[in-house]
Each structure stands twice: as C-alpha cells, then as structure tokens.
C-alpha cells in the first residue's frame, strides 16, 4: 500500500511539473509575441502619421493668409530686393482692389437686403427689432464706406509712389505691416505715439 501511495504521489508531482512547464512555456511565448505585436502596431500607425503630415502640409499655413483679403498669399521678399519695387506695388494693388471689390459687394448686398426685407410689421416689437437690425447694418456699411475711401487714397499713393512710407517720419512702413493693414499710412512707432497722444487728449 505504501508503494502504491508513493507511486500515486510521484505521478501527481510529475503532472504538476508538466503543467508548470506548459504554463511557463506559454508565458514565454506570449512575452516574445508581445514585442512583435507592438512593432506591428507601430508600423501600422506610421502611415497614418505620414498621411496626417501630408494633409497638414497641403493646408495653407496661417502666415500665407495674413491680409484682409482671403486667397491672396503673403508676399515673399527676396534678399536684397528693393523696397516698393514693381512686384510689391502690383501685389498691394491687387490686395487693395480685391478688398474694395468685396466691400462694394457687401454694400450692394445690404441695400438689396433692406429693400427686400423692409416690411411694415403690425407688431411694434417686430418693427423695433427690424429697425435695430437695419441701424446696425447701416453703421457697419458706414464704416466700410470710410474704409473704401482709405483704400482709394492708398491706390492714389501707389500711383504717386508714396505708398508704403510713413506720413509722419518718412521711413518704410514695412511689408509685414502693410500685409496686415494695406491702408496703413504710419510706421508702427509713429502709430504707437499717435495712439498715446489720443489717449492723453481723450
């Protein structure tokens, strides 16, 4: 009986050892497979990143759309290029004319909108709402009319070759500032001084 018990025990321990070996082999296989899976995931993720980078490159950067007119890319000055040469004058003329055209279209649109939508509402609240909307639009169009006058003045300055130079001190206003505000007539330093004077006076 003792011999049989020993035999059963040895068989049980042998089975346990076999099970342990199998589990350790499986764990080792999983550990080896894990880096391969990670590498495969990295390989799969790489094309996505490349595609995203291509899309980002395809989109126009904010610096290429600085000015008030969308669709006209910023001027790229070359090294040693003369300030306000023919290319720069043509570039700013295109910006000013396109800007004026868009403002004029907006004015016409407002006039048509006011003519079409003008109605004599019986309800005084509706009438008041319509009047406030029209007055806001008219104020906006008034600002735009003043801006159109400034644009016309800037176009005249382009013709007289005084565009791009500060009216106060005579130095160059700079391409970057003119891109952001083509109707600028003062350099950044004179503009800051002008604003300080306005604050002190007002």
N, C-alpha and C. Protein backbone atom coordinates (compact mmCIF):
# COMPACT_ATOMS: atom_id res chain seq x y z
N UNK A 1 0.83 -1.22 0.00
CA UNK A 1 0.00 0.00 0.00
C UNK A 1 0.86 1.26 0.00
N UNK A 2 1.90 1.22 0.76
CA UNK A 2 2.82 2.36 0.85
C UNK A 2 3.48 2.63 -0.49
N UNK A 3 3.81 1.51 -1.20
CA UNK A 3 4.45 1.65 -2.52
C UNK A 3 3.47 2.30 -3.50
N UNK A 4 2.18 1.83 -3.41
CA UNK A 4 1.16 2.41 -4.30
C UNK A 4 0.97 3.89 -4.03
N UNK A 5 0.90 4.26 -2.75
CA UNK A 5 0.76 5.68 -2.39
C UNK A 5 1.90 6.51 -2.94
N UNK A 6 3.13 5.97 -2.82
CA UNK A 6 4.31 6.69 -3.33
C UNK A 6 4.22 6.86 -4.84
N UNK A 7 3.75 5.82 -5.52
CA UNK A 7 3.61 5.87 -6.98
C UNK A 7 2.58 6.93 -7.39
N UNK A 8 1.46 6.98 -6.66
CA UNK A 8 0.40 7.97 -6.95
C UNK A 8 0.93 9.39 -6.73
N UNK A 9 1.67 9.54 -5.60
CA UNK A 9 2.25 10.85 -5.28
C UNK A 9 3.24 11.30 -6.36
N UNK A 10 4.07 10.38 -6.79
CA UNK A 10 5.08 10.72 -7.82
C UNK A 10 4.41 11.08 -9.13
N UNK A 11 3.30 10.35 -9.45
CA UNK A 11 2.55 10.68 -10.67
C UNK A 11 1.93 12.08 -10.57
N UNK A 12 1.38 12.41 -9.40
CA UNK A 12 0.76 13.73 -9.18
C UNK A 12 1.79 14.85 -9.29
N UNK A 13 2.95 14.62 -8.69
CA UNK A 13 4.01 15.65 -8.76
C UNK A 13 4.52 15.80 -10.20
N UNK A 14 4.58 14.68 -10.90
CA UNK A 14 5.02 14.73 -12.31
C UNK A 14 4.03 15.53 -13.15
N UNK A 15 2.72 15.30 -12.89
CA UNK A 15 1.68 16.05 -13.61
C UNK A 15 1.78 17.54 -13.33
N UNK A 16 1.98 17.87 -12.03
CA UNK A 16 2.10 19.28 -11.63
C UNK A 16 3.28 19.95 -12.32
N UNK A 17 4.40 19.22 -12.36
CA UNK A 17 5.60 19.76 -13.03
C UNK A 17 5.35 20.00 -14.52
N UNK A 18 4.66 19.04 -15.12
CA UNK A 18 4.34 19.17 -16.56
C UNK A 18 3.45 20.37 -16.81
N UNK A 19 2.44 20.58 -15.95
CA UNK A 19 1.54 21.73 -16.08
C UNK A 19 2.30 23.03 -15.92
N UNK A 20 3.22 23.05 -14.91
CA UNK A 20 4.03 24.25 -14.66
C UNK A 20 4.89 24.58 -15.88
N UNK A 21 5.50 23.52 -16.45
CA UNK A 21 6.35 23.73 -17.63
C UNK A 21 5.56 24.30 -18.79
N UNK A 22 4.35 23.75 -18.99
CA UNK A 22 3.49 24.23 -20.08
C UNK A 22 3.12 25.71 -19.90
N UNK A 23 2.76 26.08 -18.66
CA UNK A 23 2.38 27.48 -18.38
C UNK A 23 3.56 28.43 -18.58
N UNK A 24 4.74 27.99 -18.13
CA UNK A 24 5.94 28.85 -18.30
C UNK A 24 6.29 29.00 -19.78
N UNK A 25 6.13 27.89 -20.55
CA UNK A 25 6.40 27.94 -21.99
C UNK A 25 5.43 28.89 -22.67
N UNK A 26 4.12 28.81 -22.26
CA UNK A 26 3.10 29.68 -22.83
C UNK A 26 3.39 31.15 -22.52
N UNK A 27 3.77 31.42 -21.25
CA UNK A 27 4.09 32.79 -20.83
C UNK A 27 5.26 33.36 -21.63
N UNK A 28 6.27 32.52 -21.82
CA UNK A 28 7.45 32.94 -22.59
C UNK A 28 7.07 33.25 -24.03
N UNK A 29 6.18 32.42 -24.59
CA UNK A 29 5.72 32.63 -25.97
C UNK A 29 4.94 33.94 -26.08
N UNK A 30 4.11 34.22 -25.06
CA UNK A 30 3.33 35.47 -25.05
C UNK A 30 4.26 36.67 -24.95
N UNK A 31 5.28 36.56 -24.08
CA UNK A 31 6.25 37.65 -23.91
C UNK A 31 6.99 37.93 -25.21
N UNK A 32 7.37 36.85 -25.92
CA UNK A 32 8.07 37.02 -27.19
C UNK A 32 7.16 37.63 -28.25
N UNK A 33 5.90 37.23 -28.22
CA UNK A 33 4.94 37.72 -29.22
C UNK A 33 4.57 39.18 -29.00
N UNK A 34 4.61 39.62 -27.72
CA UNK A 34 4.20 40.99 -27.39
C UNK A 34 5.01 42.05 -28.13
N UNK A 35 6.38 41.96 -28.14
CA UNK A 35 7.14 42.96 -28.89
C UNK A 35 6.81 42.97 -30.38
N UNK A 36 6.53 41.78 -30.93
CA UNK A 36 6.18 41.71 -32.35
C UNK A 36 4.89 42.45 -32.63
N UNK A 37 3.91 42.26 -31.72
CA UNK A 37 2.63 42.96 -31.87
C UNK A 37 2.83 44.47 -31.79
N UNK A 38 3.66 44.91 -30.83
CA UNK A 38 3.93 46.34 -30.68
C UNK A 38 4.57 46.91 -31.93
N UNK A 39 5.53 46.14 -32.48
CA UNK A 39 6.21 46.58 -33.70
C UNK A 39 5.23 46.68 -34.86
N UNK A 40 4.33 45.69 -34.93
CA UNK A 40 3.32 45.71 -35.99
C UNK A 40 2.39 46.90 -35.85
N UNK A 41 2.01 47.21 -34.59
CA UNK A 41 1.15 48.38 -34.35
C UNK A 41 1.85 49.67 -34.73
N UNK A 42 3.17 49.75 -34.40
CA UNK A 42 3.94 50.93 -34.76
C UNK A 42 4.01 51.11 -36.27
N UNK A 43 4.19 49.97 -36.98
CA UNK A 43 4.26 50.02 -38.43
C UNK A 43 2.94 50.48 -39.03
N UNK A 44 1.83 50.00 -38.44
CA UNK A 44 0.51 50.40 -38.92
C UNK A 44 0.25 51.89 -38.63
N UNK A 45 0.70 52.36 -37.49
CA UNK A 45 0.45 53.75 -37.08
C UNK A 45 1.26 54.74 -37.91
N UNK A 46 2.43 54.30 -38.38
CA UNK A 46 3.32 55.17 -39.12
C UNK A 46 2.68 55.77 -40.38
N UNK A 47 2.02 54.95 -41.24
CA UNK A 47 1.39 55.55 -42.42
C UNK A 47 0.33 56.58 -42.09
N UNK A 48 -0.42 56.35 -40.98
CA UNK A 48 -1.43 57.32 -40.56
C UNK A 48 -0.79 58.66 -40.24
N UNK A 49 0.34 58.60 -39.51
CA UNK A 49 1.05 59.83 -39.14
C UNK A 49 1.54 60.55 -40.39
N UNK A 50 2.07 59.75 -41.35
CA UNK A 50 2.57 60.35 -42.60
C UNK A 50 1.44 61.02 -43.37
N UNK A 51 0.28 60.34 -43.40
CA UNK A 51 -0.89 60.88 -44.10
C UNK A 51 -1.34 62.19 -43.46
N UNK A 52 -1.33 62.22 -42.11
CA UNK A 52 -1.73 63.44 -41.38
C UNK A 52 -0.76 64.58 -41.67
N UNK A 53 0.54 64.23 -41.73
CA UNK A 53 1.56 65.25 -42.02
C UNK A 53 1.38 65.81 -43.43
N UNK A 54 1.04 64.90 -44.38
CA UNK A 54 0.80 65.34 -45.76
C UNK A 54 -0.38 66.29 -45.84
N UNK A 55 -1.47 65.92 -45.11
CA UNK A 55 -2.66 66.77 -45.08
C UNK A 55 -2.34 68.14 -44.52
N UNK A 56 -1.57 68.16 -43.41
CA UNK A 56 -1.18 69.43 -42.77
C UNK A 56 -0.34 70.28 -43.72
N UNK A 57 0.54 69.59 -44.48
CA UNK A 57 1.38 70.31 -45.43
C UNK A 57 0.56 70.86 -46.58
N UNK A 58 -0.47 70.11 -46.96
CA UNK A 58 -1.35 70.53 -48.05
C UNK A 58 -2.14 71.76 -47.70
N UNK A 59 -2.52 71.87 -46.42
CA UNK A 59 -3.29 73.05 -45.98
C UNK A 59 -2.40 74.27 -45.96
N UNK A 60 -2.98 75.44 -46.28
CA UNK A 60 -2.20 76.67 -46.27
C UNK A 60 -1.95 77.11 -44.84
N UNK A 61 -0.73 77.48 -44.59
CA UNK A 61 -0.37 77.93 -43.24
C UNK A 61 -0.97 79.30 -43.00
N UNK A 62 -1.22 79.65 -41.68
CA UNK A 62 -1.81 80.95 -41.39
C UNK A 62 -1.01 82.12 -41.93
N UNK A 63 0.34 81.97 -42.03
CA UNK A 63 1.18 83.06 -42.50
C UNK A 63 0.94 83.39 -43.96
N UNK A 64 0.39 82.41 -44.73
CA UNK A 64 0.14 82.66 -46.15
C UNK A 64 -1.17 83.43 -46.36
N UNK A 65 -1.94 83.63 -45.29
CA UNK A 65 -3.22 84.35 -45.39
C UNK A 65 -3.26 85.46 -44.33
N UNK A 66 -2.35 86.42 -44.45
CA UNK A 66 -2.23 87.43 -43.39
C UNK A 66 -3.26 88.54 -43.57
N UNK A 67 -3.35 89.07 -44.78
CA UNK A 67 -4.10 90.30 -45.02
C UNK A 67 -5.61 90.17 -44.94
N UNK A 68 -6.31 91.28 -45.27
CA UNK A 68 -7.77 91.30 -45.16
C UNK A 68 -8.48 90.53 -46.27
N UNK A 69 -7.76 90.20 -47.35
CA UNK A 69 -8.38 89.52 -48.49
C UNK A 69 -7.96 88.05 -48.51
N UNK A 70 -8.91 87.12 -48.32
CA UNK A 70 -8.55 85.71 -48.38
C UNK A 70 -8.23 85.29 -49.82
N UNK A 71 -7.31 84.35 -49.96
CA UNK A 71 -6.96 83.85 -51.29
C UNK A 71 -5.72 84.49 -51.87
N UNK A 72 -5.28 85.63 -51.32
CA UNK A 72 -4.04 86.27 -51.80
C UNK A 72 -2.93 85.94 -50.81
N UNK A 73 -1.96 85.20 -51.28
CA UNK A 73 -0.86 84.76 -50.41
C UNK A 73 0.04 85.94 -50.04
N UNK A 74 0.69 85.82 -48.89
CA UNK A 74 1.60 86.88 -48.42
C UNK A 74 2.80 87.01 -49.37
N UNK A 75 3.28 88.23 -49.50
CA UNK A 75 4.42 88.49 -50.40
C UNK A 75 5.70 87.96 -49.76
N UNK A 76 6.48 87.23 -50.56
CA UNK A 76 7.76 86.70 -50.07
C UNK A 76 8.88 87.55 -50.67
N UNK A 77 9.43 88.40 -49.83
CA UNK A 77 10.51 89.29 -50.29
C UNK A 77 11.81 88.51 -50.46
N UNK A 78 12.53 88.82 -51.52
CA UNK A 78 13.82 88.17 -51.79
C UNK A 78 14.94 88.98 -51.14
N UNK A 79 16.08 88.33 -50.93
CA UNK A 79 17.22 89.01 -50.30
C UNK A 79 17.73 90.12 -51.23
N UNK A 80 17.95 91.28 -50.62
CA UNK A 80 18.49 92.41 -51.37
C UNK A 80 17.48 93.06 -52.31
N UNK A 81 16.22 92.71 -52.14
CA UNK A 81 15.18 93.27 -53.00
C UNK A 81 14.88 94.71 -52.61
N UNK A 82 14.69 95.55 -53.61
CA UNK A 82 14.40 96.97 -53.36
C UNK A 82 12.99 97.11 -52.79
N UNK A 83 12.86 98.00 -51.80
CA UNK A 83 11.55 98.24 -51.17
C UNK A 83 10.63 98.98 -52.14
N UNK A 84 9.39 98.52 -52.20
CA UNK A 84 8.35 99.06 -53.08
C UNK A 84 8.79 99.05 -54.55
N UNK A 85 9.29 97.87 -54.96
CA UNK A 85 9.58 97.67 -56.39
C UNK A 85 8.29 97.33 -57.13
N UNK A 86 8.39 97.07 -58.42
CA UNK A 86 7.19 96.84 -59.25
C UNK A 86 6.36 95.65 -58.77
N UNK A 87 7.05 94.57 -58.37
CA UNK A 87 6.34 93.36 -57.90
C UNK A 87 5.53 93.65 -56.64
N UNK A 88 6.15 94.39 -55.71
CA UNK A 88 5.46 94.72 -54.46
C UNK A 88 4.29 95.67 -54.72
N UNK A 89 4.48 96.62 -55.59
CA UNK A 89 3.39 97.57 -55.92
C UNK A 89 2.23 96.82 -56.55
N UNK A 90 2.52 95.90 -57.48
CA UNK A 90 1.47 95.09 -58.12
C UNK A 90 0.74 94.24 -57.10
N UNK A 91 1.52 93.65 -56.16
CA UNK A 91 0.94 92.80 -55.12
C UNK A 91 -0.05 93.59 -54.25
N UNK A 92 0.36 94.76 -53.80
CA UNK A 92 -0.50 95.57 -52.92
C UNK A 92 -1.67 96.19 -53.69
N UNK A 93 -1.46 96.48 -54.97
CA UNK A 93 -2.57 96.98 -55.78
C UNK A 93 -3.66 95.90 -55.90
N UNK A 94 -3.22 94.65 -56.13
CA UNK A 94 -4.17 93.53 -56.22
C UNK A 94 -4.95 93.35 -54.92
N UNK A 95 -4.24 93.48 -53.79
CA UNK A 95 -4.90 93.35 -52.47
C UNK A 95 -5.94 94.44 -52.29
N UNK A 96 -5.55 95.69 -52.57
CA UNK A 96 -6.45 96.84 -52.37
C UNK A 96 -7.67 96.76 -53.27
N UNK A 97 -7.47 96.38 -54.53
CA UNK A 97 -8.59 96.30 -55.47
C UNK A 97 -9.55 95.16 -55.09
N UNK A 98 -8.98 94.01 -54.69
CA UNK A 98 -9.82 92.87 -54.28
C UNK A 98 -10.60 93.21 -53.01
N UNK A 99 -9.95 93.90 -52.08
CA UNK A 99 -10.59 94.30 -50.82
C UNK A 99 -11.74 95.28 -51.09
N UNK A 100 -11.47 96.26 -51.97
CA UNK A 100 -12.51 97.24 -52.33
C UNK A 100 -13.69 96.54 -53.00
N UNK A 101 -13.40 95.60 -53.89
CA UNK A 101 -14.46 94.88 -54.60
C UNK A 101 -15.36 94.13 -53.62
N UNK A 102 -14.74 93.46 -52.64
CA UNK A 102 -15.53 92.68 -51.67
C UNK A 102 -16.38 93.60 -50.79
N UNK A 103 -15.85 94.77 -50.43
CA UNK A 103 -16.60 95.73 -49.62
C UNK A 103 -17.78 96.31 -50.40
N UNK A 104 -17.54 96.60 -51.68
CA UNK A 104 -18.62 97.14 -52.53
C UNK A 104 -19.74 96.12 -52.69
N UNK A 105 -19.36 94.86 -52.84
CA UNK A 105 -20.36 93.79 -52.96
C UNK A 105 -21.20 93.70 -51.68
N UNK A 106 -20.53 93.87 -50.54
CA UNK A 106 -21.23 93.83 -49.24
C UNK A 106 -22.22 94.99 -49.10
N UNK A 107 -21.81 96.17 -49.57
CA UNK A 107 -22.70 97.35 -49.53
C UNK A 107 -23.93 97.10 -50.40
N UNK A 108 -23.71 96.58 -51.61
CA UNK A 108 -24.83 96.28 -52.53
C UNK A 108 -25.77 95.24 -51.93
N UNK A 109 -25.18 94.23 -51.30
CA UNK A 109 -25.97 93.17 -50.67
C UNK A 109 -26.87 93.73 -49.56
N UNK A 110 -26.33 94.66 -48.79
CA UNK A 110 -27.10 95.28 -47.70
C UNK A 110 -28.26 96.09 -48.26
N UNK A 111 -28.00 96.84 -49.32
CA UNK A 111 -29.05 97.67 -49.93
C UNK A 111 -30.20 96.78 -50.42
N UNK A 112 -29.84 95.70 -51.12
CA UNK A 112 -30.86 94.78 -51.63
C UNK A 112 -31.62 94.10 -50.49
N UNK A 113 -30.87 93.73 -49.46
CA UNK A 113 -31.49 93.07 -48.30
C UNK A 113 -32.50 94.00 -47.62
N UNK A 114 -32.13 95.26 -47.47
CA UNK A 114 -33.03 96.23 -46.82
C UNK A 114 -34.26 96.52 -47.68
N UNK A 115 -34.06 96.54 -49.00
CA UNK A 115 -35.19 96.77 -49.90
C UNK A 115 -36.16 95.57 -49.89
N UNK A 116 -35.59 94.36 -49.90
CA UNK A 116 -36.42 93.15 -49.97
C UNK A 116 -37.12 92.85 -48.65
N UNK A 117 -36.40 93.04 -47.54
CA UNK A 117 -36.94 92.65 -46.24
C UNK A 117 -37.71 93.76 -45.52
N UNK A 118 -37.68 94.96 -46.07
CA UNK A 118 -38.40 96.07 -45.41
C UNK A 118 -39.91 95.78 -45.44
N UNK A 119 -40.47 95.73 -44.25
CA UNK A 119 -41.92 95.46 -44.15
C UNK A 119 -42.49 96.26 -43.00
N UNK A 120 -43.75 96.64 -43.14
CA UNK A 120 -44.42 97.40 -42.09
C UNK A 120 -45.15 96.42 -41.16
N UNK A 121 -44.40 95.95 -40.15
CA UNK A 121 -44.97 94.97 -39.24
C UNK A 121 -46.04 95.62 -38.35
N UNK A 122 -47.17 94.93 -38.16
CA UNK A 122 -48.20 95.50 -37.27
C UNK A 122 -47.76 95.49 -35.80
N UNK A 123 -46.94 94.49 -35.45
CA UNK A 123 -46.48 94.38 -34.05
C UNK A 123 -45.33 95.38 -33.83
N UNK A 124 -45.45 96.26 -32.84
CA UNK A 124 -44.37 97.25 -32.59
C UNK A 124 -43.04 96.61 -32.20
N UNK A 125 -43.09 95.44 -31.52
CA UNK A 125 -41.84 94.75 -31.15
C UNK A 125 -41.08 94.28 -32.39
N UNK A 126 -41.82 93.73 -33.36
CA UNK A 126 -41.20 93.29 -34.61
C UNK A 126 -40.60 94.46 -35.38
N UNK A 127 -41.33 95.58 -35.38
CA UNK A 127 -40.83 96.79 -36.06
C UNK A 127 -39.53 97.28 -35.41
N UNK A 128 -39.53 97.27 -34.08
CA UNK A 128 -38.35 97.73 -33.33
C UNK A 128 -37.15 96.82 -33.61
N UNK A 129 -37.39 95.51 -33.67
CA UNK A 129 -36.30 94.55 -33.95
C UNK A 129 -35.73 94.79 -35.33
N UNK A 130 -36.62 94.98 -36.31
CA UNK A 130 -36.17 95.22 -37.68
C UNK A 130 -35.38 96.53 -37.79
N UNK A 131 -35.85 97.55 -37.13
CA UNK A 131 -35.16 98.86 -37.16
C UNK A 131 -33.77 98.78 -36.53
N UNK A 132 -33.67 98.04 -35.42
CA UNK A 132 -32.35 97.90 -34.77
C UNK A 132 -31.39 97.12 -35.65
N UNK A 133 -31.90 96.07 -36.33
CA UNK A 133 -31.05 95.30 -37.26
C UNK A 133 -30.57 96.17 -38.41
N UNK A 134 -31.49 96.97 -38.98
CA UNK A 134 -31.13 97.85 -40.09
C UNK A 134 -30.12 98.91 -39.67
N UNK A 135 -30.32 99.46 -38.46
CA UNK A 135 -29.39 100.50 -37.98
C UNK A 135 -27.99 99.94 -37.75
N UNK A 136 -27.93 98.69 -37.25
CA UNK A 136 -26.62 98.04 -37.06
C UNK A 136 -25.93 97.81 -38.40
N UNK A 137 -26.71 97.34 -39.38
CA UNK A 137 -26.15 97.11 -40.72
C UNK A 137 -25.69 98.41 -41.35
N UNK A 138 -26.46 99.47 -41.17
CA UNK A 138 -26.09 100.77 -41.75
C UNK A 138 -24.81 101.32 -41.11
N UNK A 139 -24.66 101.10 -39.80
CA UNK A 139 -23.43 101.54 -39.12
C UNK A 139 -22.22 100.79 -39.67
N UNK A 140 -22.41 99.46 -39.86
CA UNK A 140 -21.32 98.64 -40.40
C UNK A 140 -20.96 99.08 -41.82
N UNK A 141 -21.99 99.36 -42.63
CA UNK A 141 -21.74 99.81 -44.01
C UNK A 141 -21.11 101.20 -44.04
N UNK A 142 -21.44 102.04 -43.07
CA UNK A 142 -20.83 103.37 -42.99
C UNK A 142 -19.33 103.25 -42.72
N UNK A 143 -18.98 102.32 -41.81
CA UNK A 143 -17.56 102.07 -41.53
C UNK A 143 -16.86 101.57 -42.80
N UNK A 144 -17.56 100.71 -43.54
CA UNK A 144 -16.97 100.15 -44.76
C UNK A 144 -16.81 101.22 -45.84
N UNK A 145 -17.75 102.17 -45.91
CA UNK A 145 -17.62 103.28 -46.88
C UNK A 145 -16.39 104.13 -46.57
N UNK A 146 -16.16 104.38 -45.27
CA UNK A 146 -14.96 105.12 -44.86
C UNK A 146 -13.69 104.35 -45.23
N UNK A 147 -13.77 103.03 -45.05
CA UNK A 147 -12.64 102.17 -45.39
C UNK A 147 -12.39 102.17 -46.90
N UNK A 148 -13.45 102.22 -47.70
CA UNK A 148 -13.31 102.29 -49.16
C UNK A 148 -12.60 103.58 -49.56
N UNK A 149 -12.93 104.67 -48.86
CA UNK A 149 -12.24 105.95 -49.13
C UNK A 149 -10.74 105.84 -48.83
N UNK A 150 -10.41 105.15 -47.72
CA UNK A 150 -8.99 104.94 -47.37
C UNK A 150 -8.29 104.08 -48.42
N UNK A 151 -9.02 103.06 -48.92
CA UNK A 151 -8.44 102.18 -49.96
C UNK A 151 -8.16 102.99 -51.23
N UNK A 152 -9.12 103.86 -51.61
CA UNK A 152 -8.92 104.72 -52.79
C UNK A 152 -7.70 105.64 -52.61
N UNK A 153 -7.56 106.14 -51.39
CA UNK A 153 -6.41 107.01 -51.07
C UNK A 153 -5.10 106.22 -51.20
N UNK A 154 -5.11 104.96 -50.71
CA UNK A 154 -3.91 104.10 -50.80
C UNK A 154 -3.57 103.80 -52.26
N UNK A 155 -4.59 103.59 -53.09
CA UNK A 155 -4.35 103.34 -54.53
C UNK A 155 -3.74 104.59 -55.18
N UNK A 156 -4.21 105.77 -54.79
CA UNK A 156 -3.62 107.03 -55.30
C UNK A 156 -2.16 107.16 -54.86
N UNK A 157 -1.88 106.74 -53.61
CA UNK A 157 -0.49 106.76 -53.11
C UNK A 157 0.40 105.79 -53.89
N UNK A 158 -0.18 104.66 -54.30
CA UNK A 158 0.58 103.71 -55.14
C UNK A 158 0.95 104.36 -56.47
N UNK A 159 -0.02 105.10 -57.04
CA UNK A 159 0.24 105.77 -58.33
C UNK A 159 1.29 106.87 -58.19
N UNK A 160 1.28 107.56 -57.04
CA UNK A 160 2.24 108.66 -56.83
C UNK A 160 3.54 108.18 -56.18
N UNK A 161 3.67 106.87 -55.99
CA UNK A 161 4.89 106.23 -55.43
C UNK A 161 5.19 106.66 -54.00
N UNK A 162 4.16 107.08 -53.27
CA UNK A 162 4.36 107.41 -51.85
C UNK A 162 3.79 106.32 -50.93
N UNK A 163 3.25 105.27 -51.53
CA UNK A 163 2.68 104.17 -50.75
C UNK A 163 3.80 103.40 -50.05
N UNK A 164 3.54 103.01 -48.79
CA UNK A 164 4.50 102.20 -48.04
C UNK A 164 5.49 103.00 -47.22
N UNK A 165 5.36 104.34 -47.25
CA UNK A 165 6.26 105.19 -46.47
C UNK A 165 5.44 105.98 -45.45
N UNK A 166 5.99 106.14 -44.25
CA UNK A 166 5.29 106.80 -43.15
C UNK A 166 5.07 108.27 -43.46
N UNK A 167 3.84 108.73 -43.24
CA UNK A 167 3.50 110.15 -43.49
C UNK A 167 4.14 111.07 -42.47
N UNK A 168 4.42 110.53 -41.26
CA UNK A 168 4.97 111.36 -40.19
C UNK A 168 6.48 111.49 -40.26
N UNK A 169 7.17 110.35 -40.41
CA UNK A 169 8.64 110.40 -40.37
C UNK A 169 9.30 110.04 -41.70
N UNK A 170 8.55 109.48 -42.62
CA UNK A 170 9.08 109.19 -43.95
C UNK A 170 9.82 107.88 -44.11
N UNK A 171 9.92 107.10 -43.02
CA UNK A 171 10.63 105.81 -43.14
C UNK A 171 9.68 104.74 -43.71
N UNK A 172 10.26 103.59 -44.04
CA UNK A 172 9.47 102.48 -44.60
C UNK A 172 8.51 101.92 -43.55
N UNK A 173 7.26 101.73 -43.96
CA UNK A 173 6.27 101.14 -43.05
C UNK A 173 6.56 99.65 -42.86
N UNK A 174 6.99 99.00 -43.93
CA UNK A 174 7.35 97.58 -43.85
C UNK A 174 6.30 96.69 -44.49
N UNK A 175 6.78 95.64 -45.16
CA UNK A 175 5.90 94.72 -45.90
C UNK A 175 4.94 94.01 -44.96
N UNK A 176 5.46 93.55 -43.81
CA UNK A 176 4.63 92.77 -42.87
C UNK A 176 3.45 93.59 -42.37
N UNK A 177 3.71 94.83 -42.00
CA UNK A 177 2.63 95.71 -41.51
C UNK A 177 1.63 96.03 -42.62
N UNK A 178 2.13 96.23 -43.81
CA UNK A 178 1.25 96.54 -44.94
C UNK A 178 0.41 95.32 -45.34
N UNK A 179 0.97 94.14 -45.17
CA UNK A 179 0.19 92.91 -45.44
C UNK A 179 -1.01 92.83 -44.49
N UNK A 180 -0.76 93.16 -43.22
CA UNK A 180 -1.82 93.09 -42.22
C UNK A 180 -2.81 94.25 -42.39
N UNK A 181 -2.29 95.43 -42.73
CA UNK A 181 -3.15 96.62 -42.88
C UNK A 181 -2.69 97.42 -44.10
N UNK A 182 -3.21 97.09 -45.29
CA UNK A 182 -2.71 97.75 -46.51
C UNK A 182 -2.97 99.25 -46.57
N UNK A 183 -3.93 99.75 -45.77
CA UNK A 183 -4.22 101.19 -45.79
C UNK A 183 -3.39 101.97 -44.77
N UNK A 184 -2.43 101.31 -44.13
CA UNK A 184 -1.61 101.97 -43.10
C UNK A 184 -0.80 103.11 -43.72
N UNK A 185 -0.80 104.25 -43.04
CA UNK A 185 -0.04 105.41 -43.52
C UNK A 185 1.06 105.81 -42.53
N UNK A 186 1.09 105.13 -41.38
CA UNK A 186 2.12 105.42 -40.35
C UNK A 186 2.90 104.15 -40.05
N UNK A 187 4.20 104.32 -39.76
CA UNK A 187 5.00 103.17 -39.30
C UNK A 187 4.54 102.80 -37.88
N UNK A 188 4.98 101.66 -37.41
CA UNK A 188 4.49 101.16 -36.12
C UNK A 188 4.83 102.10 -34.96
N UNK A 189 6.03 102.72 -34.99
CA UNK A 189 6.44 103.62 -33.90
C UNK A 189 5.57 104.89 -33.87
N UNK A 190 5.36 105.47 -35.06
CA UNK A 190 4.53 106.69 -35.14
C UNK A 190 3.08 106.39 -34.78
N UNK A 191 2.62 105.20 -35.14
CA UNK A 191 1.24 104.80 -34.81
C UNK A 191 1.06 104.67 -33.29
N UNK A 192 2.06 104.08 -32.62
CA UNK A 192 2.00 103.94 -31.15
C UNK A 192 1.98 105.32 -30.49
N UNK A 193 2.86 106.23 -30.98
CA UNK A 193 2.89 107.61 -30.44
C UNK A 193 1.55 108.31 -30.66
N UNK A 194 0.97 108.09 -31.84
CA UNK A 194 -0.33 108.70 -32.18
C UNK A 194 -1.42 108.20 -31.24
N UNK A 195 -1.40 106.91 -30.94
CA UNK A 195 -2.41 106.33 -30.02
C UNK A 195 -2.22 106.85 -28.61
N UNK A 196 -0.98 107.02 -28.18
CA UNK A 196 -0.68 107.57 -26.84
C UNK A 196 -1.22 109.00 -26.73
N UNK A 197 -1.00 109.79 -27.79
CA UNK A 197 -1.49 111.19 -27.81
C UNK A 197 -3.02 111.21 -27.74
N UNK A 198 -3.66 110.31 -28.49
CA UNK A 198 -5.13 110.23 -28.49
C UNK A 198 -5.67 109.91 -27.09
N UNK A 199 -4.99 108.97 -26.40
CA UNK A 199 -5.40 108.59 -25.04
C UNK A 199 -5.25 109.76 -24.07
N UNK A 200 -4.14 110.49 -24.22
CA UNK A 200 -3.88 111.63 -23.34
C UNK A 200 -4.88 112.77 -23.59
N UNK A 201 -5.23 112.96 -24.85
CA UNK A 201 -6.18 114.03 -25.21
C UNK A 201 -7.61 113.64 -24.81
N UNK A 202 -7.93 112.36 -25.00
CA UNK A 202 -9.31 111.92 -24.73
C UNK A 202 -9.49 111.44 -23.33
